[in-house]
């Protein structure tokens, strides 16, 4: 209802809606206001309704993707507590069963406030709060609240920032959650320590049907501990450990462990496994740099089968000159960006690009466009990423020296060229967001953009978008970075 409306228009509308429900003497069982951008002011406008007799019978509350923020979470908690107190006084205590509030930037204060309401209500059966930037302090508060809701069947905290501390707190709560059927802690940065803690507590969940621990940087031994923990769980239908760091050997051992229990069918896809050599980043980067140098020295590889020579390596040389090298100019890269051309610029690539771009970097949109050209060639290849990061740093540093090129203007330009923000001018967005998302995360890990811009990017990166959905893991990683700013 309220997408694109002025902030001043929304609260009166919600107040009128709530007033009409109360006047009609309705007794709501379900209230769904999801996907309306009304923010904390909208929650405040709903407070009269949420504390009225009309919702004493409420069982399902859905406030998904409303931009509640910390303030909205606190207001909502106060309203729910007030409603429970008033309804209890009339012998009809609020018995909320389903609470859904994802993509609302509740963060620790909002989650902690809501946990107080959850403790008091005590009748919850489903809680879904994904993508809220909740760190271990907020997770701990929620875990304590879940312990007071013995009928809890579904817990979805996907894409928050547990860390091992939050996982340990949740593990302590699991013995009190004997009715739980679905646990979704995917994309929560549990790591191996957190997964081990959850595994030890799983024995207390006899009704478990789904356990989702995907994209959590879990290593082989911890994943196998999880597999061993689900042995004998006759109701289990799904175990999702995709996107972790098992490696080929780990995948085989994990499958073998479950097969021994005759439960291999519950294991989900492991197609996005990140391998077991993640800790060797420094070695990988050094090796990649060496490979980069070797590629520059050896020249371009030709895959034409008619030109293959086996058994003998042939390197064309002229007298005592060095082997031929493949190199490109900065203009050639900017006119037709490719990973080969970026690497072919050599070790001085950043300076060459900045020199070629010159005073055009005084313009924020030109800077954003140049950054997108660099981003368009970025892949998971370590050498390419390193080269792209080097160039992006140089472009941003030079551009931000100009008074006309402000961080906010560059940020807007990036969003436009990524296709996440419409422009009055015709701009052809990049075809794939993989590279831009990788480069954007790097830029926010530096000091180019103020913290205030993090919320801007969070707002656009959490909107429904098919391109973002194709790279959900990268989207999750950059959102974690933004929430931590």
Foldseek 3Di string as FASTA:
>chain_A
DAVPHDLVPQLVVLLVVLVVLVVVVAADQEDAPEPHQNELSNLVSCLVSLQDNNDLNYAYYHHEQHQHAQNNLLSNLVSLQNNQVVCVVVVRGRQHAYYHYELHLNEQNSLLSNLVSLQVNQRYAEYAYEHRQYELNSLLSNLVSLLSNQNHAYYHHELYAYECNSLLSNLVSLLSNQNYAYDAHALHQPELNSLLSNLVSLLSHLNYAEDHHEQRQYELVSLQSNLVSCQPNPNHQAYEHAQYAYAPVSVVVSLVSCVVSVRSNRYDDRVNHPYNCVVCVVVLLVVLVVVLVVCQQQEDDDPPPVPDDPPDDDFDDDDPDGTDGQADALVVCLVPNELCHLSRPDPCSQVRNCVVCDPVLLALLSLLSSLVSLLLHDDPRSVSLVSSLSNNVSSLVVSCVHPSHAPVSNVVSNCCQCVLDPDPDDHPHRPACPSVLSNVLSVLVDPRDDLVCLVVVSSSLPDDDPRCVVVVSSSSVSNNSSSVD
